C-alpha atoms as a PDB file:
ATOM      1  CA  MET A   1     -15.702  -9.722  -0.868  1.00  0.00           C
ATOM      2  CA  LYS A   2     -13.603  -9.932   2.310  1.00  0.00           C
ATOM      3  CA  ALA A   3     -11.517  -7.153   3.858  1.00  0.00           C
ATOM      4  CA  ILE A   4      -9.425  -6.523   6.974  1.00  0.00           C
ATOM      5  CA  LEU A   5      -7.020  -3.903   8.307  1.00  0.00           C
ATOM      6  CA  GLY A   6      -3.483  -4.793   9.300  1.00  0.00           C
ATOM      7  CA  LYS A   7      -0.002  -3.562  10.107  1.00  0.00           C
ATOM      8  CA  LYS A   8       3.212  -4.475   8.263  1.00  0.00           C
ATOM      9  CA  ILE A   9       5.550  -6.375  10.596  1.00  0.00           C
ATOM     10  CA  GLU A  10       8.592  -7.356   8.519  1.00  0.00           C
ATOM     11  CA  MET A  11       9.836  -9.144   5.411  1.00  0.00           C
ATOM     12  CA  SER A  12      11.483 -12.548   5.341  1.00  0.00           C
ATOM     13  CA  GLN A  13      12.039 -15.411   2.934  1.00  0.00           C
ATOM     14  CA  ILE A  14      11.539 -19.159   2.670  1.00  0.00           C
ATOM     15  CA  PHE A  15      12.608 -21.814   0.180  1.00  0.00           C
ATOM     16  CA  ASP A  16      10.020 -23.723  -1.854  1.00  0.00           C
ATOM     17  CA  GLU A  17      10.217 -27.437  -2.693  1.00  0.00           C
ATOM     18  CA  LYS A  18      12.395 -26.696  -5.776  1.00  0.00           C
ATOM     19  CA  GLY A  19      14.900 -24.694  -3.701  1.00  0.00           C
ATOM     20  CA  ASN A  20      13.852 -21.269  -5.036  1.00  0.00           C
ATOM     21  CA  VAL A  21      13.719 -18.282  -2.683  1.00  0.00           C
ATOM     22  CA  VAL A  22      10.177 -17.034  -1.952  1.00  0.00           C
ATOM     23  CA  PRO A  23       9.982 -13.492  -0.488  1.00  0.00           C
ATOM     24  CA  LEU A  24       7.359 -13.082   2.271  1.00  0.00           C
ATOM     25  CA  THR A  25       5.804 -10.155   4.093  1.00  0.00           C
ATOM     26  CA  PHE A  26       4.335 -10.712   7.551  1.00  0.00           C
ATOM     27  CA  ILE A  27       1.221  -8.675   8.361  1.00  0.00           C
ATOM     28  CA  GLU A  28      -0.490  -8.437  11.749  1.00  0.00           C
ATOM     29  CA  ALA A  29      -4.108  -8.314  10.603  1.00  0.00           C
ATOM     30  CA  GLY A  30      -7.048  -7.748  12.892  1.00  0.00           C
ATOM     31  CA  PRO A  31      -8.996  -8.465  14.845  1.00  0.00           C
ATOM     32  CA  CYS A  32     -11.150  -5.700  13.411  1.00  0.00           C
ATOM     33  CA  LYS A  33     -14.542  -4.730  14.790  1.00  0.00           C
ATOM     34  CA  VAL A  34     -17.468  -3.751  12.559  1.00  0.00           C
ATOM     35  CA  LEU A  35     -18.358  -0.324  13.931  1.00  0.00           C
ATOM     36  CA  ARG A  36     -21.084   0.750  11.525  1.00  0.00           C
ATOM     37  CA  LEU A  37     -23.078  -0.350   8.505  1.00  0.00           C
ATOM     38  CA  MET A  38     -23.727   2.279   5.829  1.00  0.00           C
ATOM     39  CA  THR A  39     -26.971   1.757   3.933  1.00  0.00           C
ATOM     40  CA  LYS A  40     -28.265   3.088   0.629  1.00  0.00           C
ATOM     41  CA  GLU A  41     -31.329   4.551   2.322  1.00  0.00           C
ATOM     42  CA  LYS A  42     -29.432   6.577   4.933  1.00  0.00           C
ATOM     43  CA  GLU A  43     -25.973   7.404   3.506  1.00  0.00           C
ATOM     44  CA  GLY A  44     -26.614   6.822  -0.212  1.00  0.00           C
ATOM     45  CA  TYR A  45     -24.142   3.913  -0.527  1.00  0.00           C
ATOM     46  CA  GLU A  46     -23.457   0.541   1.056  1.00  0.00           C
ATOM     47  CA  ALA A  47     -20.280   0.110   3.105  1.00  0.00           C
ATOM     48  CA  LEU A  48     -18.832  -1.371   6.264  1.00  0.00           C
ATOM     49  CA  GLN A  49     -16.806   0.658   8.777  1.00  0.00           C
ATOM     50  CA  LEU A  50     -13.996  -1.307  10.451  1.00  0.00           C
ATOM     51  CA  GLY A  51     -12.016  -0.346  13.545  1.00  0.00           C
ATOM     52  CA  PHE A  52      -8.452  -1.611  14.136  1.00  0.00           C
ATOM     53  CA  GLU A  53      -6.187  -1.381  17.218  1.00  0.00           C
ATOM     54  CA  PRO A  54      -8.438  -0.479  20.185  1.00  0.00           C
ATOM     55  CA  LYS A  55      -7.467   2.717  22.015  1.00  0.00           C
ATOM     56  CA  GLY A  56      -9.627   3.187  25.089  1.00  0.00           C
ATOM     57  CA  LYS A  57     -13.263   3.396  23.974  1.00  0.00           C
ATOM     58  CA  THR A  58     -12.391   4.088  20.341  1.00  0.00           C
ATOM     59  CA  PHE A  59      -9.956   2.722  17.730  1.00  0.00           C
ATOM     60  CA  ARG A  60      -6.625   4.001  16.411  1.00  0.00           C
ATOM     61  CA  HIS A  61      -7.604   3.299  12.771  1.00  0.00           C
ATOM     62  CA  ILE A  62     -11.101   3.430  11.235  1.00  0.00           C
ATOM     63  CA  LYS A  63     -11.699   2.680   7.529  1.00  0.00           C
ATOM     64  CA  GLU A  64     -14.693   2.083   5.275  1.00  0.00           C
ATOM     65  CA  PHE A  65     -14.926  -0.820   2.840  1.00  0.00           C
ATOM     66  CA  ARG A  66     -17.548  -1.074   0.101  1.00  0.00           C
ATOM     67  CA  ASN A  67     -18.999  -4.406  -1.088  1.00  0.00           C
ATOM     68  CA  VAL A  68     -18.055  -6.203   2.155  1.00  0.00           C
ATOM     69  CA  GLN A  69     -20.538  -8.269   4.142  1.00  0.00           C
ATOM     70  CA  GLY A  70     -20.795  -8.196   7.937  1.00  0.00           C
ATOM     71  CA  GLU A  71     -22.944  -7.466  10.976  1.00  0.00           C
ATOM     72  CA  GLN A  72     -22.567  -4.524  13.346  1.00  0.00           C
ATOM     73  CA  GLY A  73     -20.445  -5.432  16.382  1.00  0.00           C
ATOM     74  CA  GLU A  74     -18.955  -8.504  14.684  1.00  0.00           C
ATOM     75  CA  GLU A  75     -15.204  -9.190  15.031  1.00  0.00           C
ATOM     76  CA  ILE A  76     -13.342 -10.012  11.816  1.00  0.00           C
ATOM     77  CA  GLY A  77     -10.096 -11.973  12.121  1.00  0.00           C
ATOM     78  CA  VAL A  78      -7.532 -13.488   9.767  1.00  0.00           C
ATOM     79  CA  SER A  79      -9.559 -16.697   9.613  1.00  0.00           C
ATOM     80  CA  VAL A  80     -11.850 -15.124   6.961  1.00  0.00           C
ATOM     81  CA  PHE A  81      -9.018 -15.729   4.452  1.00  0.00           C
ATOM     82  CA  GLN A  82      -7.607 -19.088   3.324  1.00  0.00           C
ATOM     83  CA  GLU A  83      -4.059 -20.075   2.416  1.00  0.00           C
ATOM     84  CA  GLY A  84      -3.480 -19.814  -1.338  1.00  0.00           C
ATOM     85  CA  GLU A  85      -6.093 -17.082  -1.756  1.00  0.00           C
ATOM     86  CA  LYS A  86      -5.140 -14.010  -3.839  1.00  0.00           C
ATOM     87  CA  VAL A  87      -5.409 -10.618  -2.112  1.00  0.00           C
ATOM     88  CA  LYS A  88      -4.909  -6.936  -2.909  1.00  0.00           C
ATOM     89  CA  VAL A  89      -2.881  -4.978  -0.326  1.00  0.00           C
ATOM     90  CA  SER A  90      -3.015  -1.144  -0.203  1.00  0.00           C
ATOM     91  CA  GLY A  91      -0.980   1.269   1.912  1.00  0.00           C
ATOM     92  CA  ILE A  92       1.194   4.394   1.949  1.00  0.00           C
ATOM     93  CA  SER A  93       4.654   3.963   0.385  1.00  0.00           C
ATOM     94  CA  LYS A  94       7.906   5.002   2.079  1.00  0.00           C
ATOM     95  CA  GLY A  95       8.706   8.713   1.911  1.00  0.00           C
ATOM     96  CA  LYS A  96      11.906   9.656   0.084  1.00  0.00           C
ATOM     97  CA  GLY A  97      11.881  13.447   0.518  1.00  0.00           C
ATOM     98  CA  PHE A  98      12.834  15.944  -2.192  1.00  0.00           C
ATOM     99  CA  GLN A  99      14.511  14.186  -5.138  1.00  0.00           C
ATOM    100  CA  GLY A 100      15.987  15.293  -8.454  1.00  0.00           C
ATOM    101  CA  ALA A 101      14.541  14.384 -11.838  1.00  0.00           C
ATOM    102  CA  VAL A 102      17.136  11.664 -12.476  1.00  0.00           C
ATOM    103  CA  LYS A 103      16.075   9.649  -9.399  1.00  0.00           C
ATOM    104  CA  ARG A 104      12.386  10.659  -9.338  1.00  0.00           C
ATOM    105  CA  HIS A 105      11.547  10.048 -13.010  1.00  0.00           C
ATOM    106  CA  GLY A 106      14.474   7.959 -14.254  1.00  0.00           C
ATOM    107  CA  PHE A 107      15.892  10.644 -16.560  1.00  0.00           C
ATOM    108  CA  SER A 108      19.299   9.778 -18.029  1.00  0.00           C
ATOM    109  CA  GLY A 109      20.932  13.111 -17.210  1.00  0.00           C
ATOM    110  CA  ARG A 110      23.314  14.897 -19.578  1.00  0.00           C
ATOM    111  CA  ASN A 111      26.758  14.160 -21.016  1.00  0.00           C
ATOM    112  CA  ARG A 112      29.720  14.656 -18.695  1.00  0.00           C
ATOM    113  CA  THR A 113      31.669  16.264 -21.530  1.00  0.00           C
ATOM    114  CA  HIS A 114      31.227  19.135 -24.007  1.00  0.00           C
ATOM    115  CA  GLY A 115      30.920  21.959 -21.498  1.00  0.00           C
ATOM    116  CA  VAL A 116      28.493  20.322 -19.065  1.00  0.00           C
ATOM    117  CA  LYS A 117      30.893  20.545 -16.056  1.00  0.00           C
ATOM    118  CA  HIS A 118      28.677  20.430 -12.872  1.00  0.00           C
ATOM    119  CA  GLU A 119      25.350  19.860 -14.606  1.00  0.00           C
ATOM    120  CA  HIS A 120      25.362  16.169 -15.545  1.00  0.00           C
ATOM    121  CA  ARG A 121      22.384  15.224 -13.268  1.00  0.00           C
ATOM    122  CA  THR A 122      20.260  18.269 -14.066  1.00  0.00           C
ATOM    123  CA  LEU A 123      16.910  18.336 -15.799  1.00  0.00           C
ATOM    124  CA  GLY A 124      17.872  20.212 -18.962  1.00  0.00           C
ATOM    125  CA  SER A 125      15.428  22.474 -20.784  1.00  0.00           C
ATOM    126  CA  THR A 126      12.038  22.935 -19.115  1.00  0.00           C
ATOM    127  CA  GLY A 127      10.070  24.295 -22.036  1.00  0.00           C
ATOM    128  CA  SER A 128       9.959  25.935 -25.427  1.00  0.00           C
ATOM    129  CA  ARG A 129       9.753  29.521 -26.634  1.00  0.00           C
ATOM    130  CA  TRP A 130       5.964  29.357 -26.797  1.00  0.00           C
ATOM    131  CA  PRO A 131       3.829  29.448 -24.531  1.00  0.00           C
ATOM    132  CA  GLN A 132       6.462  31.281 -22.377  1.00  0.00           C
ATOM    133  CA  HIS A 133       5.791  29.203 -19.258  1.00  0.00           C
ATOM    134  CA  VAL A 134       6.363  25.676 -18.024  1.00  0.00           C
ATOM    135  CA  ARG A 135       3.462  23.477 -19.069  1.00  0.00           C
ATOM    136  CA  LYS A 136       1.381  21.698 -16.471  1.00  0.00           C
ATOM    137  CA  GLY A 137       2.428  18.107 -15.789  1.00  0.00           C
ATOM    138  CA  ARG A 138       6.114  18.658 -16.690  1.00  0.00           C
ATOM    139  CA  ARG A 139       8.215  16.079 -14.869  1.00  0.00           C
ATOM    140  CA  MET A 140      10.574  17.990 -12.596  1.00  0.00           C
ATOM    141  CA  PRO A 141      12.367  17.552  -9.261  1.00  0.00           C
ATOM    142  CA  GLY A 142      10.090  17.380  -6.228  1.00  0.00           C
ATOM    143  CA  HIS A 143       8.665  15.349  -3.373  1.00  0.00           C
ATOM    144  CA  MET A 144       8.868  11.598  -3.874  1.00  0.00           C
ATOM    145  CA  GLY A 145       7.104   8.805  -1.996  1.00  0.00           C
ATOM    146  CA  THR A 146       4.269   8.778   0.588  1.00  0.00           C
ATOM    147  CA  ASP A 147       1.784   7.874  -2.157  1.00  0.00           C
ATOM    148  CA  ARG A 148      -1.090   5.427  -1.850  1.00  0.00           C
ATOM    149  CA  VAL A 149       0.033   2.211  -3.531  1.00  0.00           C
ATOM    150  CA  SER A 150      -1.886  -1.019  -4.184  1.00  0.00           C
ATOM    151  CA  VAL A 151      -0.275  -4.370  -4.954  1.00  0.00           C
ATOM    152  CA  ARG A 152      -2.557  -6.961  -6.532  1.00  0.00           C
ATOM    153  CA  ASN A 153      -2.466 -10.759  -6.849  1.00  0.00           C
ATOM    154  CA  LEU A 154      -0.450 -11.455  -3.712  1.00  0.00           C
ATOM    155  CA  ALA A 155      -0.906 -15.061  -2.612  1.00  0.00           C
ATOM    156  CA  ILE A 156      -1.438 -15.853   1.064  1.00  0.00           C
ATOM    157  CA  VAL A 157       1.242 -18.390   2.001  1.00  0.00           C
ATOM    158  CA  LYS A 158       0.502 -18.903   5.707  1.00  0.00           C
ATOM    159  CA  ILE A 159      -2.167 -17.856   8.236  1.00  0.00           C
ATOM    160  CA  ASP A 160      -1.609 -17.943  12.014  1.00  0.00           C
ATOM    161  CA  ALA A 161      -5.035 -17.281  13.575  1.00  0.00           C
ATOM    162  CA  GLU A 162      -3.727 -17.425  17.169  1.00  0.00           C
ATOM    163  CA  ARG A 163      -1.263 -14.566  16.643  1.00  0.00           C
ATOM    164  CA  ASN A 164      -3.347 -12.729  13.960  1.00  0.00           C
ATOM    165  CA  LEU A 165      -0.596 -13.080  11.349  1.00  0.00           C
ATOM    166  CA  ILE A 166      -0.826 -13.376   7.573  1.00  0.00           C
ATOM    167  CA  ALA A 167       2.230 -14.157   5.423  1.00  0.00           C
ATOM    168  CA  VAL A 168       1.852 -13.012   1.807  1.00  0.00           C
ATOM    169  CA  ARG A 169       4.173 -13.791  -1.073  1.00  0.00           C
ATOM    170  CA  GLY A 170       5.980 -10.626  -2.238  1.00  0.00           C
ATOM    171  CA  ALA A 171       6.396  -7.069  -1.029  1.00  0.00           C
ATOM    172  CA  VAL A 172       3.748  -4.664   0.222  1.00  0.00           C
ATOM    173  CA  PRO A 173       4.016  -0.837   0.366  1.00  0.00           C
ATOM    174  CA  GLY A 174       5.404   1.080   3.332  1.00  0.00           C
ATOM    175  CA  ALA A 175       7.849   0.702   6.174  1.00  0.00           C
ATOM    176  CA  ARG A 176       7.386  -1.436   9.282  1.00  0.00           C
ATOM    177  CA  GLY A 177       4.249  -0.424  11.165  1.00  0.00           C
ATOM    178  CA  THR A 178       2.438   0.948   8.083  1.00  0.00           C
ATOM    179  CA  LEU A 179      -1.363   0.565   8.113  1.00  0.00           C
ATOM    180  CA  LEU A 180      -2.489  -1.796   5.325  1.00  0.00           C
ATOM    181  CA  GLU A 181      -5.854  -2.655   3.794  1.00  0.00           C
ATOM    182  CA  ILE A 182      -6.125  -6.301   2.763  1.00  0.00           C
ATOM    183  CA  ARG A 183      -8.967  -7.222   0.386  1.00  0.00           C
ATOM    184  CA  SER A 184      -9.802 -10.435  -1.423  1.00  0.00           C
ATOM    185  CA  GLU A 185      -9.479 -10.329  -5.210  1.00  0.00           C
ATOM    186  CA  ALA A 186     -12.904 -10.591  -6.758  1.00  0.00           C
END
């Protein structure tokens, strides 16, 4: 398995040979340095620790990847991937703040007639007579976004090794500048 850390740059689009629009996301990926190798004997599991974006003597982002091969001190660049290869991209989604149940969960709301006046986007009843409290897991208004999201089966359309850029087909989570984990699909 191959893995690298990257940063979302922007989205764009191209046209394929049939004239259809193909959405693209540009990711600045690597170079990442292998900082540490975790072994079964010492840590109890096998993993690789990667550092991304050097900041003085350390790195701005450090992440562990399991089932990835590498040597300590090695630099991993975008050239480990090939065009056409399928990847899984994980990151933190955009934050949307406090949202009502209609937007957060897709509830339909209530009628605008029959005495509902200013309540047409409200939740409605939150429970029954028994057990005299709101049950755990009830979908209600609350904080939306800033969740860890993974998008699978994204095809790599273009790789620019000189500028450390990967162009993947489709959208990836987060706003511009979001840290992303790019892994090959096994």
